[in-house]
Amino acid sequence: MEQTIDPTLGPVLARTGDERAVLDSFLDFHRGVVLRKVRGLSDADARRRLVPSATTLAGLVKHLTMVERNWFPTLLAPEAGDVYLTATEDEVAHFTIGEEDTVAALVEAYERACDRSREVVARFDLDHVVPHPQLGEVSVRWILVHMIEETARHAGHADILRELTDGSTGAL
């Protein structure tokens, strides 16, 4: 049985696009998957720990929001007060869920962070290189590929957590 692919999906639309269009579309696709996994859940379900680690659906969205800020505005267009968080600082800050961290607030913050990331990264060529506090230098191309990997990895985590929460499956 032949399956058809939704032709409106960004990666499908960009299948013959230039490198930037392909990278941007895959990152946006995985960002959308993460949002679809948390939408429609109660705050309690999004906070519920279903695995031994501190990973929750709410925590994944909070983490990815901070990752967006870390890799795009903080590295490419830092403003006063921007501080790059290391992996250790990352884990504590990102996965800790407070009372103010409702699904609605987390989704809104993630969408704002993604919008800001798109706006910032669009200003730079893929070959543009910036200093990184741990890696030395990184190119915009490398940042985009890393963010696709990071977001897709956590979209997979979200997939499993959502299925464990209410049985919902699928990327779309």
Protein backbone atom coordinates (compact mmCIF):
# COMPACT_ATOMS: atom_id res chain seq x y z
CA MET A 1 0.00 0.00 0.00
CA GLU A 2 1.52 3.30 -1.08
CA GLN A 3 1.47 6.12 1.44
CA THR A 4 1.28 9.71 0.34
CA ILE A 5 3.25 12.45 2.00
CA ASP A 6 1.45 15.65 2.92
CA PRO A 7 2.76 18.08 0.26
CA THR A 8 2.17 21.06 2.55
CA LEU A 9 4.83 19.93 5.06
CA GLY A 10 7.79 22.31 5.05
CA PRO A 11 10.46 19.69 4.37
CA VAL A 12 8.43 18.36 1.43
CA LEU A 13 7.96 21.85 0.01
CA ALA A 14 11.69 22.55 0.37
CA ARG A 15 12.80 19.25 -1.17
CA THR A 16 14.38 21.02 -4.14
CA GLY A 17 15.13 24.28 -2.31
CA ASP A 18 18.50 25.71 -1.51
CA GLU A 19 20.43 24.66 1.57
CA ARG A 20 18.99 27.42 3.76
CA ALA A 21 15.40 26.59 2.83
CA VAL A 22 15.98 22.90 3.61
CA LEU A 23 17.63 23.60 6.98
CA ASP A 24 14.99 26.13 8.02
CA SER A 25 12.10 23.88 6.99
CA PHE A 26 13.40 20.84 8.87
CA LEU A 27 13.98 22.90 12.02
CA ASP A 28 10.50 24.42 11.80
CA PHE A 29 8.97 20.99 11.20
CA HIS A 30 10.50 19.59 14.39
CA ARG A 31 9.55 22.72 16.35
CA GLY A 32 5.97 22.11 15.23
CA VAL A 33 6.08 18.47 16.30
CA VAL A 34 7.13 19.49 19.81
CA LEU A 35 4.25 21.96 20.02
CA ARG A 36 1.73 19.40 18.77
CA LYS A 37 2.88 16.95 21.45
CA VAL A 38 2.12 19.34 24.32
CA ARG A 39 -1.02 21.04 22.98
CA GLY A 40 -4.27 19.82 24.44
CA LEU A 41 -2.68 18.51 27.62
CA SER A 42 -3.59 19.66 31.08
CA ASP A 43 -0.86 21.35 33.10
CA ALA A 44 -0.81 18.31 35.39
CA ASP A 45 -0.33 15.89 32.48
CA ALA A 46 2.43 18.04 30.95
CA ARG A 47 4.28 18.09 34.31
CA ARG A 48 3.86 14.40 35.03
CA ARG A 49 7.06 12.37 35.27
CA LEU A 50 6.71 9.15 33.34
CA VAL A 51 10.39 8.19 33.17
CA PRO A 52 13.08 7.99 35.88
CA SER A 53 14.74 11.26 34.77
CA ALA A 54 13.27 14.71 35.34
CA THR A 55 12.11 14.76 31.71
CA THR A 56 8.49 15.85 31.29
CA LEU A 57 6.59 17.28 28.36
CA ALA A 58 6.51 20.67 30.08
CA GLY A 59 10.23 20.39 30.82
CA LEU A 60 11.03 19.59 27.19
CA VAL A 61 9.24 22.72 25.98
CA LYS A 62 10.94 24.84 28.63
CA HIS A 63 14.31 23.32 27.76
CA LEU A 64 13.88 23.91 24.03
CA THR A 65 12.84 27.51 24.69
CA MET A 66 16.09 28.13 26.53
CA VAL A 67 18.07 26.24 23.87
CA GLU A 68 16.59 28.52 21.18
CA ARG A 69 17.68 31.57 23.18
CA ASN A 70 21.12 30.09 23.88
CA TRP A 71 22.00 29.22 20.29
CA PHE A 72 20.45 32.05 18.28
CA PRO A 73 20.09 35.42 20.03
CA THR A 74 22.75 34.84 22.70
CA LEU A 75 25.40 33.68 20.23
CA LEU A 76 24.46 35.64 17.11
CA ALA A 77 22.97 38.88 18.45
CA PRO A 78 23.65 39.13 22.17
CA GLU A 79 21.98 41.86 24.14
CA ALA A 80 22.86 43.20 27.57
CA GLY A 81 22.31 40.50 30.16
CA ASP A 82 22.41 37.55 27.74
CA VAL A 83 24.44 34.71 29.23
CA TYR A 84 25.24 31.44 27.49
CA LEU A 85 24.24 28.51 29.74
CA THR A 86 26.51 25.49 29.87
CA ALA A 87 25.10 21.96 29.71
CA THR A 88 25.16 21.59 33.52
CA GLU A 89 23.43 24.92 34.14
CA ASP A 90 21.12 24.01 31.31
CA GLU A 91 19.73 20.88 32.94
CA VAL A 92 18.90 22.49 36.25
CA ALA A 93 17.32 25.63 34.79
CA HIS A 94 15.58 24.05 31.83
CA PHE A 95 13.82 21.08 33.33
CA THR A 96 12.68 22.69 36.59
CA ILE A 97 8.97 23.43 36.29
CA GLY A 98 7.41 26.10 38.47
CA GLU A 99 3.78 26.91 39.15
CA GLU A 100 3.95 29.68 36.52
CA ASP A 101 4.95 27.13 33.88
CA THR A 102 1.53 26.33 32.46
CA VAL A 103 1.17 24.65 29.08
CA ALA A 104 -0.16 27.91 27.64
CA ALA A 105 2.72 29.97 29.05
CA LEU A 106 5.34 27.44 27.94
CA VAL A 107 3.92 27.23 24.41
CA GLU A 108 3.77 31.01 24.15
CA ALA A 109 7.36 31.39 25.37
CA TYR A 110 8.58 28.71 22.95
CA GLU A 111 6.77 30.28 20.01
CA ARG A 112 8.26 33.70 20.88
CA ALA A 113 11.74 32.20 21.21
CA CYS A 114 11.40 30.43 17.84
CA ASP A 115 10.17 33.64 16.19
CA ARG A 116 13.13 35.54 17.65
CA SER A 117 15.52 32.79 16.53
CA ARG A 118 14.15 32.94 12.97
CA GLU A 119 14.50 36.72 12.91
CA VAL A 120 18.08 36.65 14.24
CA VAL A 121 19.43 33.78 12.14
CA ALA A 122 17.96 35.22 8.94
CA ARG A 123 20.43 38.11 9.21
CA PHE A 124 23.45 35.84 8.76
CA ASP A 125 24.87 33.74 5.94
CA LEU A 126 25.35 30.05 6.61
CA ASP A 127 29.13 30.53 6.52
CA HIS A 128 29.08 33.27 9.18
CA VAL A 129 31.23 32.18 12.15
CA VAL A 130 30.82 33.27 15.78
CA PRO A 131 32.77 32.45 18.93
CA HIS A 132 31.31 29.79 21.19
CA PRO A 133 32.32 29.62 24.87
CA GLN A 134 32.97 25.86 24.81
CA LEU A 135 33.55 24.92 21.17
CA GLY A 136 35.75 27.78 19.97
CA GLU A 137 33.97 28.86 16.81
CA VAL A 138 30.78 27.67 15.13
CA SER A 139 29.16 28.58 11.84
CA VAL A 140 25.51 29.47 11.38
CA ARG A 141 25.23 26.30 9.28
CA TRP A 142 26.55 24.24 12.21
CA ILE A 143 24.14 25.96 14.61
CA LEU A 144 21.17 25.18 12.36
CA VAL A 145 22.17 21.53 11.95
CA HIS A 146 22.75 21.22 15.69
CA MET A 147 19.35 22.76 16.41
CA ILE A 148 17.65 20.36 13.99
CA GLU A 149 19.34 17.48 15.83
CA GLU A 150 18.53 18.87 19.29
CA THR A 151 14.90 19.65 18.48
CA ALA A 152 14.30 16.35 16.64
CA ARG A 153 15.82 14.40 19.52
CA HIS A 154 13.48 16.05 21.99
CA ALA A 155 10.52 15.74 19.62
CA GLY A 156 11.14 12.00 19.82
CA HIS A 157 11.18 12.17 23.61
CA ALA A 158 7.93 14.16 23.47
CA ASP A 159 6.44 11.53 21.16
CA ILE A 160 7.07 8.80 23.71
CA LEU A 161 5.94 10.88 26.69
CA ARG A 162 2.71 11.88 24.94
CA GLU A 163 1.97 8.26 24.07
CA LEU A 164 2.58 7.29 27.71
CA THR A 165 0.30 10.15 28.84
CA ASP A 166 -2.80 9.52 26.77
CA GLY A 167 -2.00 7.09 23.97
CA SER A 168 -1.67 9.78 21.27
CA THR A 169 0.82 8.85 18.57
CA GLY A 170 2.16 10.31 15.34
CA ALA A 171 4.20 13.35 14.39
CA LEU A 172 1.28 15.36 13.08
